[in-house]
Amino acid sequence: MDSQLSPIGRFERILLATDATACSADAQRVAMAMAEAWGATLYLASVIVTHPIAEEVAYIQVEAAGSEVRELLERLQAQARDRGIAAQQVLLLGRDPLEMIVQAAEEHRVDLIVVGRREKPGLLRRIVGTTTTKAIGSAGCSVLVVPEGATMWHRRILLATDGSRFSDAAAVAAAKLAEVCRLPVSVISTIRASFSAERAAQAAEAAARVHDFLAARQIEVDQAVLNGEPNELILSTAAAFGADLIVIGTHGRTGWERLVVGSVTESVVKASPLPVLAVKL
């Protein structure tokens, strides 16, 4: 894949945050498929959660967890090698899995973090589940959330836009995805009942602007402006249109504020049966 200067829609360095649970297996497959399609370097990251007390009183369990993680990363690297993917193991040890993953992503200057999603919090060193939406807020790059049972997309991309600069960034990323995967895109903008006529007109203009941007790049695209709650409409429209990937923009923050994810993005990520790409500037 040719290198590009803009970080938006660039997927040249992908970090897979994984563990040995079932929900991570689907994220592993999607990350491998993305790395293969983009010719990307794939960083295989997993965390052993520990602290000094655990190392002293439960060192056998910590060592067992470490052996399991090393075996997982070795297996994934072998799979990547068989597919011609450049892969690097990133074994992390620390108290806070989320912090460790975000630090690793920054250290390796990745463009994308891929993480699985499950409904309940995990046990020792498991980094998916309740931390998923926090990962979107705290990461300095885009995050792809792959729910258990999801697969690599091959039918249609659903792009949600509200006309903000974050949504514009999502549109650029969706265009890159559509071009590489040769997929059509459905663009939706939503209008709440509380919107003024001016705000409603802005929503329609946003959808039209993104539609024209994609069409100019020879991407098959359609658009819709829908009335209702955005998170509900995004999910129902994705199902109705046969989409198998949702792309949505999310704000970038600094410090503790980064832990706050926009309510629409958070709701979609938590409820979607499809992979959701949360694009950050």
Protein backbone atom coordinates (compact mmCIF):
# COMPACT_ATOMS: atom_id res chain seq x y z
CA MET A 1 0.00 0.00 0.00
CA ASP A 2 1.33 3.45 -0.87
CA SER A 3 2.09 5.67 2.09
CA GLN A 4 0.00 8.82 2.57
CA LEU A 5 0.69 11.97 4.51
CA SER A 6 -2.78 12.46 5.98
CA PRO A 7 -3.40 10.33 9.08
CA ILE A 8 -7.14 10.23 8.32
CA GLY A 9 -8.05 6.96 6.68
CA ARG A 10 -4.44 5.75 6.87
CA PHE A 11 -4.26 2.16 8.09
CA GLU A 12 -0.57 1.41 7.63
CA ARG A 13 0.10 0.47 11.27
CA ILE A 14 -2.60 -1.51 13.06
CA LEU A 15 -2.55 -2.58 16.70
CA LEU A 16 -4.67 -5.58 17.66
CA ALA A 17 -5.51 -5.51 21.38
CA THR A 18 -6.32 -9.12 22.12
CA ASP A 19 -6.54 -11.94 24.63
CA ALA A 20 -7.48 -15.61 24.53
CA THR A 21 -11.24 -15.13 24.93
CA ALA A 22 -13.87 -15.98 22.33
CA CYS A 23 -14.78 -12.35 21.72
CA SER A 24 -11.20 -11.56 20.76
CA ALA A 25 -11.10 -14.31 18.12
CA ASP A 26 -13.32 -12.33 15.75
CA ALA A 27 -11.29 -9.16 16.30
CA GLN A 28 -8.16 -11.16 15.50
CA ARG A 29 -9.61 -12.33 12.18
CA VAL A 30 -10.76 -8.84 11.19
CA ALA A 31 -7.41 -7.27 12.12
CA MET A 32 -5.59 -9.90 10.06
CA ALA A 33 -7.87 -9.28 7.08
CA MET A 34 -7.37 -5.51 7.33
CA ALA A 35 -3.59 -5.81 7.60
CA GLU A 36 -3.57 -8.10 4.58
CA ALA A 37 -5.79 -5.80 2.50
CA TRP A 38 -3.80 -2.66 3.37
CA GLY A 39 -0.35 -4.22 3.42
CA ALA A 40 -0.12 -2.90 6.97
CA THR A 41 2.22 -3.73 9.81
CA LEU A 42 0.25 -5.54 12.51
CA TYR A 43 1.16 -5.11 16.17
CA LEU A 44 -0.13 -8.02 18.25
CA ALA A 45 -0.67 -6.65 21.75
CA SER A 46 -1.84 -8.38 24.89
CA VAL A 47 -1.61 -7.46 28.56
CA ILE A 48 -0.76 -9.43 31.67
CA VAL A 49 -2.46 -7.49 34.45
CA THR A 50 -0.41 -7.62 37.61
CA HIS A 51 1.08 -5.62 40.47
CA PRO A 52 3.80 -6.20 43.08
CA ILE A 53 1.49 -7.92 45.58
CA ALA A 54 0.17 -10.34 42.96
CA GLU A 55 3.69 -11.11 41.85
CA GLU A 56 4.61 -12.02 45.43
CA VAL A 57 1.55 -13.98 46.59
CA ALA A 58 0.24 -15.35 43.28
CA TYR A 59 3.35 -15.63 41.18
CA ILE A 60 2.35 -19.06 39.87
CA GLN A 61 -0.90 -17.65 38.45
CA VAL A 62 0.92 -14.65 37.01
CA GLU A 63 3.50 -16.89 35.36
CA ALA A 64 0.76 -19.13 33.96
CA ALA A 65 -1.03 -16.10 32.54
CA GLY A 66 2.22 -14.95 30.99
CA SER A 67 2.79 -18.31 29.34
CA GLU A 68 -0.73 -18.27 27.90
CA VAL A 69 -0.27 -14.79 26.48
CA ARG A 70 3.10 -15.66 24.95
CA GLU A 71 1.62 -18.75 23.31
CA LEU A 72 -1.27 -16.67 21.94
CA LEU A 73 1.04 -14.04 20.45
CA GLU A 74 3.33 -16.69 18.96
CA ARG A 75 0.33 -18.38 17.35
CA LEU A 76 -1.01 -15.11 15.94
CA GLN A 77 2.38 -14.10 14.60
CA ALA A 78 2.69 -17.46 12.84
CA GLN A 79 -0.75 -16.97 11.28
CA ALA A 80 0.24 -13.49 10.12
CA ARG A 81 3.49 -14.77 8.66
CA ASP A 82 1.61 -17.45 6.70
CA ARG A 83 -0.52 -14.67 5.16
CA GLY A 84 2.44 -12.50 4.28
CA ILE A 85 1.66 -9.93 7.00
CA ALA A 86 4.48 -8.14 8.81
CA ALA A 87 3.63 -8.67 12.48
CA GLN A 88 5.30 -7.73 15.73
CA GLN A 89 4.49 -9.03 19.21
CA VAL A 90 3.80 -6.48 21.96
CA LEU A 91 3.65 -8.18 25.36
CA LEU A 92 2.60 -5.74 28.07
CA LEU A 93 2.77 -6.05 31.85
CA GLY A 94 1.01 -3.59 34.16
CA ARG A 95 -1.90 -2.70 36.39
CA ASP A 96 -4.15 -0.89 33.91
CA PRO A 97 -4.75 -2.74 30.61
CA LEU A 98 -6.33 0.28 28.93
CA GLU A 99 -3.45 2.54 29.84
CA MET A 100 -0.94 -0.05 28.63
CA ILE A 101 -2.68 -0.47 25.26
CA VAL A 102 -2.98 3.28 24.69
CA GLN A 103 0.69 3.76 25.57
CA ALA A 104 1.69 0.96 23.20
CA ALA A 105 -0.39 2.51 20.41
CA GLU A 106 1.36 5.84 20.93
CA GLU A 107 4.80 4.24 21.16
CA HIS A 108 4.33 2.39 17.88
CA ARG A 109 2.56 5.36 16.23
CA VAL A 110 -0.33 3.22 15.07
CA ASP A 111 -3.17 4.48 12.90
CA LEU A 112 -5.79 2.14 14.28
CA ILE A 113 -6.53 0.03 17.35
CA VAL A 114 -8.68 -3.06 16.79
CA VAL A 115 -10.42 -4.44 19.87
CA GLY A 116 -13.14 -7.01 20.52
CA ARG A 117 -16.30 -6.42 22.51
CA ARG A 118 -18.27 -8.53 24.93
CA GLU A 119 -21.13 -7.74 27.25
CA LYS A 120 -19.52 -8.55 30.59
CA PRO A 121 -16.23 -7.49 32.17
CA GLY A 122 -13.44 -10.04 31.96
CA LEU A 123 -10.95 -11.53 34.37
CA LEU A 124 -7.17 -11.32 34.70
CA ARG A 125 -5.41 -9.46 31.79
CA ARG A 126 -8.60 -9.31 29.66
CA ILE A 127 -8.73 -5.94 27.98
CA VAL A 128 -12.07 -5.94 26.21
CA GLY A 129 -15.62 -5.40 27.43
CA THR A 130 -16.35 -2.46 29.67
CA THR A 131 -13.11 -0.68 28.72
CA THR A 132 -14.00 -0.60 25.02
CA THR A 133 -15.73 2.77 24.98
CA LYS A 134 -13.06 4.20 27.28
CA ALA A 135 -10.48 3.05 24.75
CA ILE A 136 -12.20 5.14 22.10
CA GLY A 137 -12.10 8.17 24.35
CA SER A 138 -8.52 7.78 25.54
CA ALA A 139 -6.79 6.59 22.37
CA GLY A 140 -5.02 9.09 20.20
CA CYS A 141 -6.04 7.24 17.03
CA SER A 142 -9.16 5.69 15.53
CA VAL A 143 -10.58 2.54 17.13
CA LEU A 144 -12.32 -0.36 15.42
CA VAL A 145 -14.65 -2.27 17.77
CA VAL A 146 -15.44 -5.81 16.63
CA PRO A 147 -18.32 -7.45 18.53
CA GLU A 148 -18.32 -11.17 19.07
CA GLY A 149 -19.66 -12.93 15.97
CA ALA A 150 -18.78 -10.10 13.57
CA THR A 151 -16.72 -10.63 10.41
CA MET A 152 -14.72 -8.61 7.93
CA TRP A 153 -17.09 -6.42 5.91
CA HIS A 154 -17.87 -7.32 2.31
CA ARG A 155 -21.32 -5.85 1.55
CA ARG A 156 -21.79 -2.16 2.41
CA ILE A 157 -20.50 0.62 4.65
CA LEU A 158 -22.89 2.80 6.63
CA LEU A 159 -21.49 6.27 7.29
CA ALA A 160 -23.22 8.50 9.84
CA THR A 161 -22.60 12.24 9.52
CA ASP A 162 -23.71 15.35 11.37
CA GLY A 163 -21.67 17.86 9.40
CA SER A 164 -19.03 18.29 12.11
CA ARG A 165 -15.30 18.12 11.39
CA PHE A 166 -15.26 14.77 13.18
CA SER A 167 -17.87 13.46 10.77
CA ASP A 168 -15.87 14.86 7.86
CA ALA A 169 -12.88 12.87 9.09
CA ALA A 170 -15.11 9.78 9.22
CA ALA A 171 -16.14 10.45 5.62
CA VAL A 172 -12.51 10.47 4.49
CA ALA A 173 -11.87 7.20 6.34
CA ALA A 174 -15.02 5.63 4.87
CA ALA A 175 -13.87 6.66 1.38
CA LYS A 176 -10.52 4.92 1.89
CA LEU A 177 -12.27 1.79 3.13
CA ALA A 178 -14.71 1.80 0.24
CA GLU A 179 -11.92 2.18 -2.31
CA VAL A 180 -9.74 -0.59 -0.92
CA CYS A 181 -12.62 -3.00 -0.23
CA ARG A 182 -14.60 -1.92 -3.32
CA LEU A 183 -17.82 -1.41 -1.41
CA PRO A 184 -20.80 0.95 -1.72
CA VAL A 185 -21.50 3.48 1.01
CA SER A 186 -24.79 4.61 2.50
CA VAL A 187 -24.64 8.07 4.08
CA ILE A 188 -27.20 9.03 6.70
CA SER A 189 -27.84 12.19 8.64
CA THR A 190 -30.45 12.36 11.38
CA ILE A 191 -32.91 15.02 12.52
CA ARG A 192 -34.30 15.08 16.03
CA ALA A 193 -37.79 16.41 16.74
CA SER A 194 -36.22 19.26 18.71
CA PHE A 195 -34.24 20.53 15.70
CA SER A 196 -35.08 23.93 14.26
CA ALA A 197 -35.74 24.28 10.55
CA GLU A 198 -32.24 25.69 10.15
CA ARG A 199 -30.65 22.75 11.98
CA ALA A 200 -32.67 20.28 9.91
CA ALA A 201 -31.49 21.97 6.73
CA GLN A 202 -27.91 21.69 7.94
CA ALA A 203 -28.36 17.95 8.47
CA ALA A 204 -29.62 17.53 4.91
CA GLU A 205 -26.76 19.67 3.57
CA ALA A 206 -24.22 17.53 5.48
CA ALA A 207 -25.51 14.32 3.93
CA ALA A 208 -25.51 15.86 0.44
CA ARG A 209 -21.99 17.22 0.85
CA VAL A 210 -20.60 13.84 1.91
CA HIS A 211 -22.55 12.12 -0.85
CA ASP A 212 -20.96 14.41 -3.45
CA PHE A 213 -17.50 13.90 -1.96
CA LEU A 214 -17.81 10.11 -2.27
CA ALA A 215 -19.42 10.22 -5.70
CA ALA A 216 -16.56 12.38 -6.98
CA ARG A 217 -14.22 9.54 -6.04
CA GLN A 218 -16.25 7.12 -8.16
CA ILE A 219 -17.66 5.36 -5.09
CA GLU A 220 -21.19 3.97 -5.33
CA VAL A 221 -23.15 5.97 -2.76
CA ASP A 222 -26.66 6.77 -1.62
CA GLN A 223 -27.93 9.09 1.09
CA ALA A 224 -30.83 9.51 3.48
CA VAL A 225 -31.94 12.10 6.01
CA LEU A 226 -33.95 10.43 8.76
CA ASN A 227 -36.06 11.64 11.66
CA GLY A 228 -35.51 10.16 15.11
CA GLU A 229 -32.85 9.28 17.65
CA PRO A 230 -29.44 9.03 15.93
CA ASN A 231 -28.15 5.89 17.65
CA GLU A 232 -31.36 3.97 16.99
CA LEU A 233 -31.52 5.10 13.36
CA ILE A 234 -27.88 4.24 12.70
CA LEU A 235 -28.39 0.67 13.91
CA SER A 236 -31.75 0.10 12.23
CA THR A 237 -30.62 1.63 8.93
CA ALA A 238 -27.46 -0.46 8.90
CA ALA A 239 -29.61 -3.57 9.22
CA ALA A 240 -32.15 -2.41 6.63
CA PHE A 241 -29.47 -1.51 4.06
CA GLY A 242 -27.46 -4.69 4.61
CA ALA A 243 -24.39 -2.86 5.84
CA ASP A 244 -21.70 -4.83 7.65
CA LEU A 245 -19.57 -1.91 8.85
CA ILE A 246 -20.55 1.33 10.59
CA VAL A 247 -18.24 4.36 10.39
CA ILE A 248 -18.81 7.28 12.72
CA GLY A 249 -16.74 10.26 13.85
CA THR A 250 -15.94 10.95 17.46
CA HIS A 251 -14.34 13.92 19.16
CA GLY A 252 -10.71 14.10 20.22
CA ARG A 253 -9.99 15.29 23.74
CA THR A 254 -7.03 15.62 26.07
CA GLY A 255 -6.47 14.53 29.65
CA TRP A 256 -9.33 13.07 31.63
CA GLU A 257 -11.83 14.50 29.16
CA ARG A 258 -10.70 11.86 26.68
CA LEU A 259 -12.59 9.27 28.72
CA VAL A 260 -15.87 10.88 27.71
CA VAL A 261 -17.14 9.47 24.43
CA GLY A 262 -20.00 11.12 22.56
CA SER A 263 -23.30 9.56 23.63
CA VAL A 264 -24.28 8.55 20.09
CA THR A 265 -20.95 6.85 19.38
CA GLU A 266 -20.99 5.13 22.75
CA SER A 267 -24.55 3.87 22.30
CA VAL A 268 -23.83 2.56 18.81
CA VAL A 269 -20.62 0.83 19.87
CA LYS A 270 -22.30 -0.87 22.83
CA ALA A 271 -25.33 -2.10 20.88
CA SER A 272 -24.09 -2.78 17.36
CA PRO A 273 -23.80 -6.39 16.12
CA LEU A 274 -21.54 -5.00 13.37
CA PRO A 275 -17.99 -3.69 13.57
CA VAL A 276 -17.93 0.03 14.35
CA LEU A 277 -15.06 2.27 13.28
CA ALA A 278 -14.86 5.32 15.54
CA VAL A 279 -12.76 7.84 13.62
CA LYS A 280 -10.71 10.43 15.49
CA LEU A 281 -8.85 13.46 14.22
